[in-house]
Amino acid sequence: MATVLDLRSGGVAGIGHSMVRWADQRFAHRFAGGPPPVKPPKSGLAQVRYEWREWGKFALAWTITLAVTLLLVGVVDNPARCGTGWAG
C-alpha cells in the first residue's frame, strides 16, 4: 500500500542501486568496450563487510516479502484461496 501511495503521489519506481550498477558494468564491458566488472573482495575484512552487506540486503528483502505476503493473505481472508494450507 505504501508503494502504491508513493507512486500515485509522483514517486518513481526503480530497482536497487546495486542491481543497476551490476547490470551497467556488465553491459558496458560486453557491448561498449568498458573495463571489466568490479569483482567482490576475495579475503580479509573487506570481504567480511561485503558479505554482511549482501546478507543484510537479503534479510531486508525477505522481511519485506514476508510482510507483503502476510498482508495479502489477510486481505484475501480466505485460506482456501491463498493456497497456503493454513486452516486459520
PDB file of N, CA and C in Angstrom:
ATOM      1  N   MET A   1       0.822  -1.189   0.000  1.00  0.00           N
ATOM      2  CA  MET A   1       0.000   0.000   0.000  1.00  0.00           C
ATOM      3  C   MET A   1       0.866   1.252   0.000  1.00  0.00           C
ATOM      4  N   ALA A   2       1.956   1.206   0.767  1.00  0.00           N
ATOM      5  CA  ALA A   2       2.849   2.361   0.809  1.00  0.00           C
ATOM      6  C   ALA A   2       3.453   2.626  -0.564  1.00  0.00           C
ATOM      7  N   THR A   3       3.789   1.559  -1.275  1.00  0.00           N
ATOM      8  CA  THR A   3       4.350   1.718  -2.621  1.00  0.00           C
ATOM      9  C   THR A   3       3.322   2.324  -3.556  1.00  0.00           C
ATOM     10  N   VAL A   4       2.107   1.842  -3.490  1.00  0.00           N
ATOM     11  CA  VAL A   4       1.039   2.385  -4.343  1.00  0.00           C
ATOM     12  C   VAL A   4       0.848   3.865  -4.061  1.00  0.00           C
ATOM     13  N   LEU A   5       0.777   4.228  -2.787  1.00  0.00           N
ATOM     14  CA  LEU A   5       0.598   5.640  -2.437  1.00  0.00           C
ATOM     15  C   LEU A   5       1.773   6.488  -2.906  1.00  0.00           C
ATOM     16  N   ASP A   6       2.970   5.965  -2.741  1.00  0.00           N
ATOM     17  CA  ASP A   6       4.157   6.694  -3.179  1.00  0.00           C
ATOM     18  C   ASP A   6       4.141   6.918  -4.690  1.00  0.00           C
ATOM     19  N   LEU A   7       3.834   5.880  -5.453  1.00  0.00           N
ATOM     20  CA  LEU A   7       3.812   6.010  -6.911  1.00  0.00           C
ATOM     21  C   LEU A   7       2.685   6.918  -7.382  1.00  0.00           C
ATOM     22  N   ARG A   8       1.541   6.851  -6.722  1.00  0.00           N
ATOM     23  CA  ARG A   8       0.420   7.706  -7.119  1.00  0.00           C
ATOM     24  C   ARG A   8       0.676   9.170  -6.807  1.00  0.00           C
ATOM     25  N   SER A   9       1.557   9.430  -5.830  1.00  0.00           N
ATOM     26  CA  SER A   9       1.847  10.820  -5.481  1.00  0.00           C
ATOM     27  C   SER A   9       3.047  11.368  -6.259  1.00  0.00           C
ATOM     28  N   GLY A  10       3.481  10.634  -7.271  1.00  0.00           N
ATOM     29  CA  GLY A  10       4.546  11.149  -8.127  1.00  0.00           C
ATOM     30  C   GLY A  10       5.886  10.478  -7.961  1.00  0.00           C
ATOM     31  N   GLY A  11       5.985   9.478  -7.101  1.00  0.00           N
ATOM     32  CA  GLY A  11       7.241   8.759  -6.917  1.00  0.00           C
ATOM     33  C   GLY A  11       7.628   7.992  -8.178  1.00  0.00           C
ATOM     34  N   VAL A  12       8.886   7.663  -8.284  1.00  0.00           N
ATOM     35  CA  VAL A  12       9.387   6.933  -9.446  1.00  0.00           C
ATOM     36  C   VAL A  12       9.754   5.524  -9.008  1.00  0.00           C
ATOM     37  N   ALA A  13       9.248   4.542  -9.747  1.00  0.00           N
ATOM     38  CA  ALA A  13       9.582   3.148  -9.450  1.00  0.00           C
ATOM     39  C   ALA A  13      10.995   2.864  -9.926  1.00  0.00           C
ATOM     40  N   GLY A  14      11.697   2.050  -9.197  1.00  0.00           N
ATOM     41  CA  GLY A  14      13.058   1.710  -9.587  1.00  0.00           C
ATOM     42  C   GLY A  14      13.497   0.425  -8.919  1.00  0.00           C
ATOM     43  N   ILE A  15      14.674  -0.022  -9.264  1.00  0.00           N
ATOM     44  CA  ILE A  15      15.237  -1.193  -8.617  1.00  0.00           C
ATOM     45  C   ILE A  15      16.455  -0.749  -7.833  1.00  0.00           C
ATOM     46  N   GLY A  16      17.003  -1.645  -7.065  1.00  0.00           N
ATOM     47  CA  GLY A  16      18.108  -1.290  -6.190  1.00  0.00           C
ATOM     48  C   GLY A  16      19.325  -0.775  -6.929  1.00  0.00           C
ATOM     49  N   HIS A  17      20.032   0.155  -6.301  1.00  0.00           N
ATOM     50  CA  HIS A  17      21.218   0.750  -6.908  1.00  0.00           C
ATOM     51  C   HIS A  17      22.272  -0.295  -7.238  1.00  0.00           C
ATOM     52  N   SER A  18      22.429  -1.271  -6.359  1.00  0.00           N
ATOM     53  CA  SER A  18      23.463  -2.278  -6.607  1.00  0.00           C
ATOM     54  C   SER A  18      23.114  -3.122  -7.827  1.00  0.00           C
ATOM     55  N   MET A  19      21.835  -3.366  -8.070  1.00  0.00           N
ATOM     56  CA  MET A  19      21.436  -4.133  -9.252  1.00  0.00           C
ATOM     57  C   MET A  19      21.706  -3.337 -10.531  1.00  0.00           C
ATOM     58  N   VAL A  20      21.416  -2.048 -10.497  1.00  0.00           N
ATOM     59  CA  VAL A  20      21.665  -1.197 -11.660  1.00  0.00           C
ATOM     60  C   VAL A  20      23.162  -1.114 -11.934  1.00  0.00           C
ATOM     61  N   ARG A  21      23.955  -0.906 -10.893  1.00  0.00           N
ATOM     62  CA  ARG A  21      25.407  -0.832 -11.045  1.00  0.00           C
ATOM     63  C   ARG A  21      25.963  -2.138 -11.618  1.00  0.00           C
ATOM     64  N   TRP A  22      25.478  -3.270 -11.110  1.00  0.00           N
ATOM     65  CA  TRP A  22      25.907  -4.591 -11.580  1.00  0.00           C
ATOM     66  C   TRP A  22      25.614  -4.744 -13.077  1.00  0.00           C
ATOM     67  N   ALA A  23      24.389  -4.419 -13.479  1.00  0.00           N
ATOM     68  CA  ALA A  23      24.000  -4.557 -14.880  1.00  0.00           C
ATOM     69  C   ALA A  23      24.763  -3.569 -15.775  1.00  0.00           C
ATOM     70  N   ASP A  24      24.938  -2.350 -15.315  1.00  0.00           N
ATOM     71  CA  ASP A  24      25.663  -1.347 -16.103  1.00  0.00           C
ATOM     72  C   ASP A  24      27.103  -1.772 -16.370  1.00  0.00           C
ATOM     73  N   GLN A  25      27.759  -2.281 -15.357  1.00  0.00           N
ATOM     74  CA  GLN A  25      29.155  -2.702 -15.526  1.00  0.00           C
ATOM     75  C   GLN A  25      29.261  -3.820 -16.554  1.00  0.00           C
ATOM     76  N   ARG A  26      28.402  -4.798 -16.479  1.00  0.00           N
ATOM     77  CA  ARG A  26      28.470  -5.921 -17.406  1.00  0.00           C
ATOM     78  C   ARG A  26      28.097  -5.521 -18.816  1.00  0.00           C
ATOM     79  N   PHE A  27      27.077  -4.685 -18.967  1.00  0.00           N
ATOM     80  CA  PHE A  27      26.680  -4.229 -20.302  1.00  0.00           C
ATOM     81  C   PHE A  27      27.796  -3.401 -20.937  1.00  0.00           C
ATOM     82  N   ALA A  28      28.346  -2.472 -20.171  1.00  0.00           N
ATOM     83  CA  ALA A  28      29.421  -1.619 -20.703  1.00  0.00           C
ATOM     84  C   ALA A  28      30.625  -2.455 -21.104  1.00  0.00           C
ATOM     85  N   HIS A  29      30.955  -3.469 -20.335  1.00  0.00           N
ATOM     86  CA  HIS A  29      32.107  -4.312 -20.645  1.00  0.00           C
ATOM     87  C   HIS A  29      31.846  -5.133 -21.902  1.00  0.00           C
ATOM     88  N   ARG A  30      30.664  -5.695 -22.004  1.00  0.00           N
ATOM     89  CA  ARG A  30      30.374  -6.601 -23.120  1.00  0.00           C
ATOM     90  C   ARG A  30      30.097  -5.872 -24.432  1.00  0.00           C
ATOM     91  N   PHE A  31      29.358  -4.771 -24.380  1.00  0.00           N
ATOM     92  CA  PHE A  31      28.888  -4.130 -25.608  1.00  0.00           C
ATOM     93  C   PHE A  31      29.513  -2.780 -25.905  1.00  0.00           C
ATOM     94  N   ALA A  32      30.147  -2.136 -24.942  1.00  0.00           N
ATOM     95  CA  ALA A  32      30.647  -0.781 -25.171  1.00  0.00           C
ATOM     96  C   ALA A  32      32.139  -0.664 -24.918  1.00  0.00           C
ATOM     97  N   GLY A  33      32.835  -1.772 -24.814  1.00  0.00           N
ATOM     98  CA  GLY A  33      34.284  -1.729 -24.633  1.00  0.00           C
ATOM     99  C   GLY A  33      34.720  -1.173 -23.292  1.00  0.00           C
ATOM    100  N   GLY A  34      33.861  -1.267 -22.291  1.00  0.00           N
ATOM    101  CA  GLY A  34      34.193  -0.756 -20.966  1.00  0.00           C
ATOM    102  C   GLY A  34      35.141  -1.683 -20.226  1.00  0.00           C
ATOM    103  N   PRO A  35      35.611  -1.246 -19.063  1.00  0.00           N
ATOM    104  CA  PRO A  35      36.513  -2.079 -18.261  1.00  0.00           C
ATOM    105  C   PRO A  35      35.764  -3.295 -17.706  1.00  0.00           C
ATOM    106  N   PRO A  36      36.498  -4.323 -17.312  1.00  0.00           N
ATOM    107  CA  PRO A  36      35.840  -5.493 -16.722  1.00  0.00           C
ATOM    108  C   PRO A  36      35.081  -5.109 -15.450  1.00  0.00           C
ATOM    109  N   PRO A  37      34.010  -5.840 -15.146  1.00  0.00           N
ATOM    110  CA  PRO A  37      33.237  -5.540 -13.939  1.00  0.00           C
ATOM    111  C   PRO A  37      34.096  -5.677 -12.677  1.00  0.00           C
ATOM    112  N   VAL A  38      33.759  -4.880 -11.681  1.00  0.00           N
ATOM    113  CA  VAL A  38      34.461  -4.926 -10.407  1.00  0.00           C
ATOM    114  C   VAL A  38      34.085  -6.221  -9.696  1.00  0.00           C
ATOM    115  N   LYS A  39      35.091  -6.954  -9.235  1.00  0.00           N
ATOM    116  CA  LYS A  39      34.837  -8.209  -8.534  1.00  0.00           C
ATOM    117  C   LYS A  39      34.798  -7.946  -7.031  1.00  0.00           C
ATOM    118  N   PRO A  40      33.976  -8.719  -6.320  1.00  0.00           N
ATOM    119  CA  PRO A  40      33.931  -8.546  -4.861  1.00  0.00           C
ATOM    120  C   PRO A  40      35.255  -8.964  -4.235  1.00  0.00           C
ATOM    121  N   PRO A  41      35.570  -8.450  -3.055  1.00  0.00           N
ATOM    122  CA  PRO A  41      36.820  -8.811  -2.381  1.00  0.00           C
ATOM    123  C   PRO A  41      36.886 -10.310  -2.117  1.00  0.00           C
ATOM    124  N   LYS A  42      38.097 -10.862  -2.201  1.00  0.00           N
ATOM    125  CA  LYS A  42      38.292 -12.301  -2.022  1.00  0.00           C
ATOM    126  C   LYS A  42      38.616 -12.694  -0.587  1.00  0.00           C
ATOM    127  N   SER A  43      39.133 -11.768   0.207  1.00  0.00           N
ATOM    128  CA  SER A  43      39.519 -12.138   1.560  1.00  0.00           C
ATOM    129  C   SER A  43      39.628 -10.907   2.443  1.00  0.00           C
ATOM    130  N   GLY A  44      39.815 -11.177   3.717  1.00  0.00           N
ATOM    131  CA  GLY A  44      40.057 -10.094   4.664  1.00  0.00           C
ATOM    132  C   GLY A  44      38.797  -9.403   5.134  1.00  0.00           C
ATOM    133  N   LEU A  45      39.023  -8.286   5.806  1.00  0.00           N
ATOM    134  CA  LEU A  45      37.929  -7.510   6.372  1.00  0.00           C
ATOM    135  C   LEU A  45      37.003  -6.968   5.284  1.00  0.00           C
ATOM    136  N   ALA A  46      37.557  -6.636   4.121  1.00  0.00           N
ATOM    137  CA  ALA A  46      36.734  -6.122   3.021  1.00  0.00           C
ATOM    138  C   ALA A  46      35.713  -7.176   2.579  1.00  0.00           C
ATOM    139  N   GLN A  47      36.129  -8.433   2.535  1.00  0.00           N
ATOM    140  CA  GLN A  47      35.200  -9.496   2.162  1.00  0.00           C
ATOM    141  C   GLN A  47      34.119  -9.673   3.225  1.00  0.00           C
ATOM    142  N   VAL A  48      34.510  -9.612   4.475  1.00  0.00           N
ATOM    143  CA  VAL A  48      33.545  -9.761   5.569  1.00  0.00           C
ATOM    144  C   VAL A  48      32.492  -8.659   5.491  1.00  0.00           C
ATOM    145  N   ARG A  49      32.927  -7.411   5.308  1.00  0.00           N
ATOM    146  CA  ARG A  49      31.979  -6.298   5.180  1.00  0.00           C
ATOM    147  C   ARG A  49      31.057  -6.494   3.981  1.00  0.00           C
ATOM    148  N   TYR A  50      31.626  -6.907   2.852  1.00  0.00           N
ATOM    149  CA  TYR A  50      30.847  -7.134   1.638  1.00  0.00           C
ATOM    150  C   TYR A  50      29.784  -8.214   1.874  1.00  0.00           C
ATOM    151  N   GLU A  51      30.203  -9.338   2.457  1.00  0.00           N
ATOM    152  CA  GLU A  51      29.271 -10.449   2.676  1.00  0.00           C
ATOM    153  C   GLU A  51      28.170 -10.066   3.660  1.00  0.00           C
ATOM    154  N   TRP A  52      28.486  -9.333   4.725  1.00  0.00           N
ATOM    155  CA  TRP A  52      27.458  -8.901   5.666  1.00  0.00           C
ATOM    156  C   TRP A  52      26.489  -7.922   5.019  1.00  0.00           C
ATOM    157  N   ARG A  53      27.005  -7.038   4.177  1.00  0.00           N
ATOM    158  CA  ARG A  53      26.132  -6.092   3.477  1.00  0.00           C
ATOM    159  C   ARG A  53      25.168  -6.842   2.548  1.00  0.00           C
ATOM    160  N   GLU A  54      25.695  -7.832   1.820  1.00  0.00           N
ATOM    161  CA  GLU A  54      24.841  -8.629   0.932  1.00  0.00           C
ATOM    162  C   GLU A  54      23.816  -9.418   1.742  1.00  0.00           C
ATOM    163  N   TRP A  55      24.219  -9.990   2.864  1.00  0.00           N
ATOM    164  CA  TRP A  55      23.295 -10.728   3.713  1.00  0.00           C
ATOM    165  C   TRP A  55      22.218  -9.799   4.256  1.00  0.00           C
ATOM    166  N   GLY A  56      22.605  -8.585   4.618  1.00  0.00           N
ATOM    167  CA  GLY A  56      21.631  -7.603   5.098  1.00  0.00           C
ATOM    168  C   GLY A  56      20.599  -7.253   4.039  1.00  0.00           C
ATOM    169  N   LYS A  57      21.046  -7.130   2.787  1.00  0.00           N
ATOM    170  CA  LYS A  57      20.099  -6.858   1.699  1.00  0.00           C
ATOM    171  C   LYS A  57      19.134  -8.025   1.526  1.00  0.00           C
ATOM    172  N   PHE A  58      19.660  -9.257   1.627  1.00  0.00           N
ATOM    173  CA  PHE A  58      18.797 -10.430   1.545  1.00  0.00           C
ATOM    174  C   PHE A  58      17.771 -10.432   2.671  1.00  0.00           C
ATOM    175  N   ALA A  59      18.235 -10.178   3.901  1.00  0.00           N
ATOM    176  CA  ALA A  59      17.345 -10.201   5.066  1.00  0.00           C
ATOM    177  C   ALA A  59      16.251  -9.144   4.929  1.00  0.00           C
ATOM    178  N   LEU A  60      16.599  -7.970   4.442  1.00  0.00           N
ATOM    179  CA  LEU A  60      15.607  -6.917   4.237  1.00  0.00           C
ATOM    180  C   LEU A  60      14.593  -7.327   3.174  1.00  0.00           C
ATOM    181  N   ALA A  61      15.068  -7.891   2.070  1.00  0.00           N
ATOM    182  CA  ALA A  61      14.164  -8.337   1.009  1.00  0.00           C
ATOM    183  C   ALA A  61      13.235  -9.437   1.510  1.00  0.00           C
ATOM    184  N   TRP A  62      13.772 -10.378   2.297  1.00  0.00           N
ATOM    185  CA  TRP A  62      12.962 -11.458   2.847  1.00  0.00           C
ATOM    186  C   TRP A  62      11.892 -10.906   3.778  1.00  0.00           C
ATOM    187  N   THR A  63      12.260  -9.953   4.619  1.00  0.00           N
ATOM    188  CA  THR A  63      11.315  -9.362   5.564  1.00  0.00           C
ATOM    189  C   THR A  63      10.189  -8.639   4.829  1.00  0.00           C
ATOM    190  N   ILE A  64      10.550  -7.886   3.808  1.00  0.00           N
ATOM    191  CA  ILE A  64       9.535  -7.170   3.027  1.00  0.00           C
ATOM    192  C   ILE A  64       8.607  -8.157   2.327  1.00  0.00           C
ATOM    193  N   THR A  65       9.191  -9.212   1.748  1.00  0.00           N
ATOM    194  CA  THR A  65       8.377 -10.218   1.058  1.00  0.00           C
ATOM    195  C   THR A  65       7.422 -10.904   2.029  1.00  0.00           C
ATOM    196  N   LEU A  66       7.908 -11.256   3.206  1.00  0.00           N
ATOM    197  CA  LEU A  66       7.052 -11.883   4.208  1.00  0.00           C
ATOM    198  C   LEU A  66       5.920 -10.958   4.612  1.00  0.00           C
ATOM    199  N   ALA A  67       6.236  -9.700   4.858  1.00  0.00           N
ATOM    200  CA  ALA A  67       5.208  -8.739   5.273  1.00  0.00           C
ATOM    201  C   ALA A  67       4.143  -8.562   4.196  1.00  0.00           C
ATOM    202  N   VAL A  68       4.571  -8.444   2.951  1.00  0.00           N
ATOM    203  CA  VAL A  68       3.615  -8.272   1.850  1.00  0.00           C
ATOM    204  C   VAL A  68       2.754  -9.524   1.703  1.00  0.00           C
ATOM    205  N   THR A  69       3.380 -10.693   1.790  1.00  0.00           N
ATOM    206  CA  THR A  69       2.627 -11.944   1.674  1.00  0.00           C
ATOM    207  C   THR A  69       1.584 -12.056   2.781  1.00  0.00           C
ATOM    208  N   LEU A  70       1.978 -11.778   4.018  1.00  0.00           N
ATOM    209  CA  LEU A  70       1.026 -11.846   5.125  1.00  0.00           C
ATOM    210  C   LEU A  70      -0.086 -10.805   4.983  1.00  0.00           C
ATOM    211  N   LEU A  71       0.261  -9.630   4.493  1.00  0.00           N
ATOM    212  CA  LEU A  71      -0.746  -8.600   4.246  1.00  0.00           C
ATOM    213  C   LEU A  71      -1.756  -9.077   3.209  1.00  0.00           C
ATOM    214  N   LEU A  72      -1.269  -9.663   2.132  1.00  0.00           N
ATOM    215  CA  LEU A  72      -2.173 -10.138   1.089  1.00  0.00           C
ATOM    216  C   LEU A  72      -3.036 -11.298   1.572  1.00  0.00           C
ATOM    217  N   VAL A  73      -2.462 -12.185   2.363  1.00  0.00           N
ATOM    218  CA  VAL A  73      -3.254 -13.276   2.938  1.00  0.00           C
ATOM    219  C   VAL A  73      -4.350 -12.689   3.829  1.00  0.00           C
ATOM    220  N   GLY A  74      -4.020 -11.670   4.599  1.00  0.00           N
ATOM    221  CA  GLY A  74      -5.016 -11.025   5.450  1.00  0.00           C
ATOM    222  C   GLY A  74      -6.097 -10.321   4.657  1.00  0.00           C
ATOM    223  N   VAL A  75      -5.718  -9.712   3.552  1.00  0.00           N
ATOM    224  CA  VAL A  75      -6.695  -9.013   2.715  1.00  0.00           C
ATOM    225  C   VAL A  75      -7.651 -10.012   2.073  1.00  0.00           C
ATOM    226  N   VAL A  76      -7.114 -11.118   1.571  1.00  0.00           N
ATOM    227  CA  VAL A  76      -7.960 -12.128   0.940  1.00  0.00           C
ATOM    228  C   VAL A  76      -8.867 -12.775   1.986  1.00  0.00           C
ATOM    229  N   ASP A  77      -8.315 -13.043   3.178  1.00  0.00           N
ATOM    230  CA  ASP A  77      -9.076 -13.568   4.317  1.00  0.00           C
ATOM    231  C   ASP A  77      -9.841 -14.850   3.985  1.00  0.00           C
ATOM    232  N   ASN A  78      -9.237 -15.671   3.140  1.00  0.00           N
ATOM    233  CA  ASN A  78      -9.838 -16.950   2.803  1.00  0.00           C
ATOM    234  C   ASN A  78      -8.704 -17.925   2.536  1.00  0.00           C
ATOM    235  N   PRO A  79      -8.304 -18.722   3.533  1.00  0.00           N
ATOM    236  CA  PRO A  79      -7.154 -19.618   3.376  1.00  0.00           C
ATOM    237  C   PRO A  79      -7.259 -20.547   2.171  1.00  0.00           C
ATOM    238  N   ALA A  80      -8.462 -20.954   1.805  1.00  0.00           N
ATOM    239  CA  ALA A  80      -8.613 -21.850   0.666  1.00  0.00           C
ATOM    240  C   ALA A  80      -8.190 -21.173  -0.635  1.00  0.00           C
ATOM    241  N   ARG A  81      -8.359 -19.871  -0.727  1.00  0.00           N
ATOM    242  CA  ARG A  81      -7.985 -19.134  -1.941  1.00  0.00           C
ATOM    243  C   ARG A  81      -6.522 -18.731  -1.957  1.00  0.00           C
ATOM    244  N   CYS A  82      -5.852 -18.782  -0.813  1.00  0.00           N
ATOM    245  CA  CYS A  82      -4.457 -18.368  -0.738  1.00  0.00           C
ATOM    246  C   CYS A  82      -3.487 -19.480  -1.133  1.00  0.00           C
ATOM    247  N   GLY A  83      -3.934 -20.713  -1.066  1.00  0.00           N
ATOM    248  CA  GLY A  83      -3.051 -21.820  -1.398  1.00  0.00           C
ATOM    249  C   GLY A  83      -1.967 -22.052  -0.365  1.00  0.00           C
ATOM    250  N   THR A  84      -2.165 -21.536   0.842  1.00  0.00           N
ATOM    251  CA  THR A  84      -1.141 -21.673   1.872  1.00  0.00           C
ATOM    252  C   THR A  84      -1.292 -22.937   2.674  1.00  0.00           C
ATOM    253  N   GLY A  85      -2.477 -23.496   2.682  1.00  0.00           N
ATOM    254  CA  GLY A  85      -2.732 -24.664   3.502  1.00  0.00           C
ATOM    255  C   GLY A  85      -3.007 -24.314   4.955  1.00  0.00           C
ATOM    256  N   TRP A  86      -3.083 -23.033   5.270  1.00  0.00           N
ATOM    257  CA  TRP A  86      -3.376 -22.607   6.642  1.00  0.00           C
ATOM    258  C   TRP A  86      -4.852 -22.833   6.910  1.00  0.00           C
ATOM    259  N   ALA A  87      -5.160 -23.368   8.057  1.00  0.00           N
ATOM    260  CA  ALA A  87      -6.561 -23.580   8.412  1.00  0.00           C
ATOM    261  C   ALA A  87      -7.113 -22.408   9.213  1.00  0.00           C
ATOM    262  N   GLY A  88      -6.217 -21.499   9.582  1.00  0.00           N
ATOM    263  CA  GLY A  88      -6.511 -20.255  10.166  1.00  0.00           C
ATOM    264  C   GLY A  88      -7.288 -20.113  11.368  1.00  0.00           C
TER     265      GLY A  88
END
